[in-house]
Amino acid sequence: MAPTIENREARFDFQVLDTVEVGISLTGSEVKSIRNGRITLANGFAMARLHPRELTLHEVHIDEYPQALPQHQHEPRRVRRLLAHGKEIERLAIGMKAKGTSLVPLKVYFSKGRVKVLLGIALGRKKGDKREALKAKEDRRDMARATTRRA
């Protein structure tokens, strides 16, 4: 069973406005490390450029695969190319032009044997917004507890 790696910190630090699923160009040892769950999305971000149309993933750490030979190892923090249609890249690049928006990886998972990345166009939250989000989450949790006790 292949794991699903989520960036829960991103949902707390950012308000996600839109999401898009993209592929990622990886080497064999990177895929095997991801299958073992050895990936960190915490500080990762993506960049979309219009000329040339390209989408890249930065600051995502994929551990080296211990069983691979030294010449087949990969650089853990290298810039990785993301795969998407030209129109999607264009839409993401235009979405990035708004002030305070970022392109953050929310989730990495396997779909039909291929590694997919769920990217989100996100708006950064201020400290007060984070507190409000936590309070709303706690309130929803308390209401859910109250309704299950009654039933």
C-alpha atoms as a PDB file:
ATOM      1  CA  MET A   1       0.000   0.000   0.000  1.00  0.00           C
ATOM      2  CA  ALA A   2       1.526   3.286  -1.113  1.00  0.00           C
ATOM      3  CA  PRO A   3       1.372   6.117   1.421  1.00  0.00           C
ATOM      4  CA  THR A   4      -0.299   9.504   1.101  1.00  0.00           C
ATOM      5  CA  ILE A   5       1.921  12.263   2.478  1.00  0.00           C
ATOM      6  CA  GLU A   6       0.068  15.413   3.525  1.00  0.00           C
ATOM      7  CA  ASN A   7       1.362  18.881   4.325  1.00  0.00           C
ATOM      8  CA  ARG A   8      -0.934  19.640   7.268  1.00  0.00           C
ATOM      9  CA  GLU A   9       1.108  22.701   8.212  1.00  0.00           C
ATOM     10  CA  ALA A  10       0.254  24.316   4.862  1.00  0.00           C
ATOM     11  CA  ARG A  11      -3.495  24.101   5.570  1.00  0.00           C
ATOM     12  CA  PHE A  12      -2.831  25.917   8.864  1.00  0.00           C
ATOM     13  CA  ASP A  13      -0.453  28.582   7.503  1.00  0.00           C
ATOM     14  CA  PHE A  14      -2.385  29.263   4.289  1.00  0.00           C
ATOM     15  CA  GLN A  15      -5.948  29.625   3.107  1.00  0.00           C
ATOM     16  CA  VAL A  16      -6.196  27.372   0.047  1.00  0.00           C
ATOM     17  CA  LEU A  17      -8.103  29.082  -2.776  1.00  0.00           C
ATOM     18  CA  ASP A  18      -7.754  26.494  -5.548  1.00  0.00           C
ATOM     19  CA  THR A  19      -6.087  23.109  -6.078  1.00  0.00           C
ATOM     20  CA  VAL A  20      -4.667  21.274  -9.067  1.00  0.00           C
ATOM     21  CA  GLU A  21      -3.235  17.758  -9.452  1.00  0.00           C
ATOM     22  CA  VAL A  22       0.078  17.556 -11.328  1.00  0.00           C
ATOM     23  CA  GLY A  23       2.607  14.855 -12.096  1.00  0.00           C
ATOM     24  CA  ILE A  24       6.242  15.015 -11.072  1.00  0.00           C
ATOM     25  CA  SER A  25       9.427  13.990 -12.859  1.00  0.00           C
ATOM     26  CA  LEU A  26      11.470  11.728 -10.545  1.00  0.00           C
ATOM     27  CA  THR A  27      14.333   9.247 -10.631  1.00  0.00           C
ATOM     28  CA  GLY A  28      13.894   5.612  -9.560  1.00  0.00           C
ATOM     29  CA  SER A  29      15.476   6.034  -6.138  1.00  0.00           C
ATOM     30  CA  GLU A  30      13.199   9.029  -5.428  1.00  0.00           C
ATOM     31  CA  VAL A  31      10.081   6.999  -6.230  1.00  0.00           C
ATOM     32  CA  LYS A  32      11.231   4.187  -3.935  1.00  0.00           C
ATOM     33  CA  SER A  33      11.893   6.660  -1.107  1.00  0.00           C
ATOM     34  CA  ILE A  34       8.437   8.194  -1.536  1.00  0.00           C
ATOM     35  CA  ARG A  35       6.907   4.702  -1.480  1.00  0.00           C
ATOM     36  CA  ASN A  36       8.593   4.252   1.909  1.00  0.00           C
ATOM     37  CA  GLY A  37       7.138   7.587   3.076  1.00  0.00           C
ATOM     38  CA  ARG A  38      10.540   9.327   3.274  1.00  0.00           C
ATOM     39  CA  ILE A  39       9.493  12.766   1.976  1.00  0.00           C
ATOM     40  CA  THR A  40       9.060  16.118   3.731  1.00  0.00           C
ATOM     41  CA  LEU A  41       6.765  18.777   2.260  1.00  0.00           C
ATOM     42  CA  ALA A  42       6.972  21.252   5.174  1.00  0.00           C
ATOM     43  CA  ASN A  43       9.026  24.051   3.542  1.00  0.00           C
ATOM     44  CA  GLY A  44       8.176  23.218  -0.055  1.00  0.00           C
ATOM     45  CA  PHE A  45       6.814  25.600  -2.662  1.00  0.00           C
ATOM     46  CA  ALA A  46       6.259  25.590  -6.403  1.00  0.00           C
ATOM     47  CA  MET A  47       6.942  28.197  -9.066  1.00  0.00           C
ATOM     48  CA  ALA A  48       5.059  28.657 -12.327  1.00  0.00           C
ATOM     49  CA  ARG A  49       6.644  30.539 -15.227  1.00  0.00           C
ATOM     50  CA  LEU A  50       4.970  31.628 -18.444  1.00  0.00           C
ATOM     51  CA  HIS A  51       8.111  31.964 -20.605  1.00  0.00           C
ATOM     52  CA  PRO A  52       9.121  29.177 -20.949  1.00  0.00           C
ATOM     53  CA  ARG A  53       6.015  27.432 -19.649  1.00  0.00           C
ATOM     54  CA  GLU A  54       7.329  25.409 -16.758  1.00  0.00           C
ATOM     55  CA  LEU A  55       6.327  24.377 -13.277  1.00  0.00           C
ATOM     56  CA  THR A  56       8.992  23.508 -10.689  1.00  0.00           C
ATOM     57  CA  LEU A  57       8.949  22.218  -7.114  1.00  0.00           C
ATOM     58  CA  HIS A  58      11.489  23.638  -4.643  1.00  0.00           C
ATOM     59  CA  GLU A  59      12.666  22.801  -1.092  1.00  0.00           C
ATOM     60  CA  VAL A  60      10.943  19.398  -0.889  1.00  0.00           C
ATOM     61  CA  HIS A  61      13.221  16.883   0.825  1.00  0.00           C
ATOM     62  CA  ILE A  62      13.172  13.281  -0.434  1.00  0.00           C
ATOM     63  CA  ASP A  63      15.545  11.071   1.573  1.00  0.00           C
ATOM     64  CA  GLU A  64      18.154   9.032  -0.236  1.00  0.00           C
ATOM     65  CA  TYR A  65      17.179   5.407  -0.862  1.00  0.00           C
ATOM     66  CA  PRO A  66      19.522   3.322   1.351  1.00  0.00           C
ATOM     67  CA  GLN A  67      19.597   0.234  -0.922  1.00  0.00           C
ATOM     68  CA  ALA A  68      20.643   2.196  -4.024  1.00  0.00           C
ATOM     69  CA  LEU A  69      24.254   2.285  -5.153  1.00  0.00           C
ATOM     70  CA  PRO A  70      26.089   5.619  -4.669  1.00  0.00           C
ATOM     71  CA  GLN A  71      26.070   6.394  -8.406  1.00  0.00           C
ATOM     72  CA  HIS A  72      22.265   5.897  -8.521  1.00  0.00           C
ATOM     73  CA  GLN A  73      21.494   8.167  -5.552  1.00  0.00           C
ATOM     74  CA  HIS A  74      19.683  11.461  -5.972  1.00  0.00           C
ATOM     75  CA  GLU A  75      20.162  14.912  -4.481  1.00  0.00           C
ATOM     76  CA  PRO A  76      17.608  15.159  -1.612  1.00  0.00           C
ATOM     77  CA  ARG A  77      16.670  18.849  -2.117  1.00  0.00           C
ATOM     78  CA  ARG A  78      17.007  19.266  -5.871  1.00  0.00           C
ATOM     79  CA  VAL A  79      14.558  21.314  -7.945  1.00  0.00           C
ATOM     80  CA  ARG A  80      12.047  18.921  -9.510  1.00  0.00           C
ATOM     81  CA  ARG A  81      10.007  19.473 -12.669  1.00  0.00           C
ATOM     82  CA  LEU A  82       6.236  19.245 -12.324  1.00  0.00           C
ATOM     83  CA  LEU A  83       4.153  17.982 -15.223  1.00  0.00           C
ATOM     84  CA  ALA A  84       0.963  19.778 -16.242  1.00  0.00           C
ATOM     85  CA  HIS A  85      -0.817  20.967 -19.357  1.00  0.00           C
ATOM     86  CA  GLY A  86       0.162  24.375 -20.719  1.00  0.00           C
ATOM     87  CA  LYS A  87      -3.233  25.878 -19.890  1.00  0.00           C
ATOM     88  CA  GLU A  88      -2.937  24.695 -16.259  1.00  0.00           C
ATOM     89  CA  ILE A  89       0.553  26.211 -15.941  1.00  0.00           C
ATOM     90  CA  GLU A  90      -0.785  29.454 -17.405  1.00  0.00           C
ATOM     91  CA  ARG A  91      -3.709  29.472 -14.920  1.00  0.00           C
ATOM     92  CA  LEU A  92      -1.340  28.849 -11.991  1.00  0.00           C
ATOM     93  CA  ALA A  93       1.084  31.559 -13.127  1.00  0.00           C
ATOM     94  CA  ILE A  94      -1.753  34.082 -13.416  1.00  0.00           C
ATOM     95  CA  GLY A  95      -3.060  33.051  -9.993  1.00  0.00           C
ATOM     96  CA  MET A  96       0.393  33.665  -8.531  1.00  0.00           C
ATOM     97  CA  LYS A  97       0.415  37.316  -9.635  1.00  0.00           C
ATOM     98  CA  ALA A  98      -1.998  38.351  -6.882  1.00  0.00           C
ATOM     99  CA  LYS A  99      -0.271  39.786  -3.817  1.00  0.00           C
ATOM    100  CA  GLY A 100       0.333  37.339  -0.962  1.00  0.00           C
ATOM    101  CA  THR A 101      -0.403  34.165  -2.923  1.00  0.00           C
ATOM    102  CA  SER A 102       1.849  31.134  -2.973  1.00  0.00           C
ATOM    103  CA  LEU A 103       1.861  27.797  -4.723  1.00  0.00           C
ATOM    104  CA  VAL A 104       2.262  25.127  -2.032  1.00  0.00           C
ATOM    105  CA  PRO A 105       2.336  21.321  -2.219  1.00  0.00           C
ATOM    106  CA  LEU A 106      -0.554  19.997  -0.129  1.00  0.00           C
ATOM    107  CA  LYS A 107      -0.286  16.277  -0.745  1.00  0.00           C
ATOM    108  CA  VAL A 108       1.890  13.661  -2.489  1.00  0.00           C
ATOM    109  CA  TYR A 109       0.270  10.346  -3.398  1.00  0.00           C
ATOM    110  CA  PHE A 110       0.266   7.516  -5.922  1.00  0.00           C
ATOM    111  CA  SER A 111      -2.399   7.285  -8.626  1.00  0.00           C
ATOM    112  CA  LYS A 112      -2.272   4.290 -10.992  1.00  0.00           C
ATOM    113  CA  GLY A 113       1.379   3.731 -10.081  1.00  0.00           C
ATOM    114  CA  ARG A 114       2.428   7.315 -10.762  1.00  0.00           C
ATOM    115  CA  VAL A 115       3.435   9.918  -8.197  1.00  0.00           C
ATOM    116  CA  LYS A 116       1.062  12.887  -8.136  1.00  0.00           C
ATOM    117  CA  VAL A 117       1.333  16.199  -6.287  1.00  0.00           C
ATOM    118  CA  LEU A 118      -1.700  18.208  -5.191  1.00  0.00           C
ATOM    119  CA  LEU A 119      -0.750  21.885  -5.467  1.00  0.00           C
ATOM    120  CA  GLY A 120      -2.764  24.671  -3.925  1.00  0.00           C
ATOM    121  CA  ILE A 121      -2.911  28.351  -4.801  1.00  0.00           C
ATOM    122  CA  ALA A 122      -2.860  29.679  -1.273  1.00  0.00           C
ATOM    123  CA  LEU A 123      -3.147  33.000   0.489  1.00  0.00           C
ATOM    124  CA  GLY A 124      -0.909  33.471   3.538  1.00  0.00           C
ATOM    125  CA  ARG A 125      -2.645  33.820   6.894  1.00  0.00           C
ATOM    126  CA  LYS A 126      -1.715  36.324   9.559  1.00  0.00           C
ATOM    127  CA  LYS A 127      -1.294  35.306  13.209  1.00  0.00           C
ATOM    128  CA  GLY A 128      -4.833  36.404  14.127  1.00  0.00           C
ATOM    129  CA  ASP A 129      -6.315  34.477  11.203  1.00  0.00           C
ATOM    130  CA  LYS A 130      -4.523  31.329  12.372  1.00  0.00           C
ATOM    131  CA  ARG A 131      -6.037  31.749  15.835  1.00  0.00           C
ATOM    132  CA  GLU A 132      -9.509  32.168  14.365  1.00  0.00           C
ATOM    133  CA  ALA A 133      -9.040  29.057  12.236  1.00  0.00           C
ATOM    134  CA  LEU A 134      -7.976  27.052  15.308  1.00  0.00           C
ATOM    135  CA  LYS A 135     -10.973  28.330  17.282  1.00  0.00           C
ATOM    136  CA  ALA A 136     -13.382  27.420  14.465  1.00  0.00           C
ATOM    137  CA  LYS A 137     -11.832  23.949  14.222  1.00  0.00           C
ATOM    138  CA  GLU A 138     -12.179  23.399  17.981  1.00  0.00           C
ATOM    139  CA  ASP A 139     -15.804  24.609  17.866  1.00  0.00           C
ATOM    140  CA  ARG A 140     -16.644  22.139  15.070  1.00  0.00           C
ATOM    141  CA  ARG A 141     -14.984  19.347  17.037  1.00  0.00           C
ATOM    142  CA  ASP A 142     -16.945  20.231  20.208  1.00  0.00           C
ATOM    143  CA  MET A 143     -20.241  20.295  18.287  1.00  0.00           C
ATOM    144  CA  ALA A 144     -19.461  16.899  16.740  1.00  0.00           C
ATOM    145  CA  ARG A 145     -18.711  15.470  20.197  1.00  0.00           C
ATOM    146  CA  ALA A 146     -21.954  16.862  21.622  1.00  0.00           C
ATOM    147  CA  THR A 147     -24.085  15.372  18.842  1.00  0.00           C
ATOM    148  CA  THR A 148     -22.451  11.912  19.118  1.00  0.00           C
ATOM    149  CA  ARG A 149     -23.019  11.833  22.901  1.00  0.00           C
ATOM    150  CA  ARG A 150     -26.715  12.534  22.444  1.00  0.00           C
ATOM    151  CA  ALA A 151     -27.166   9.769  19.921  1.00  0.00           C
END
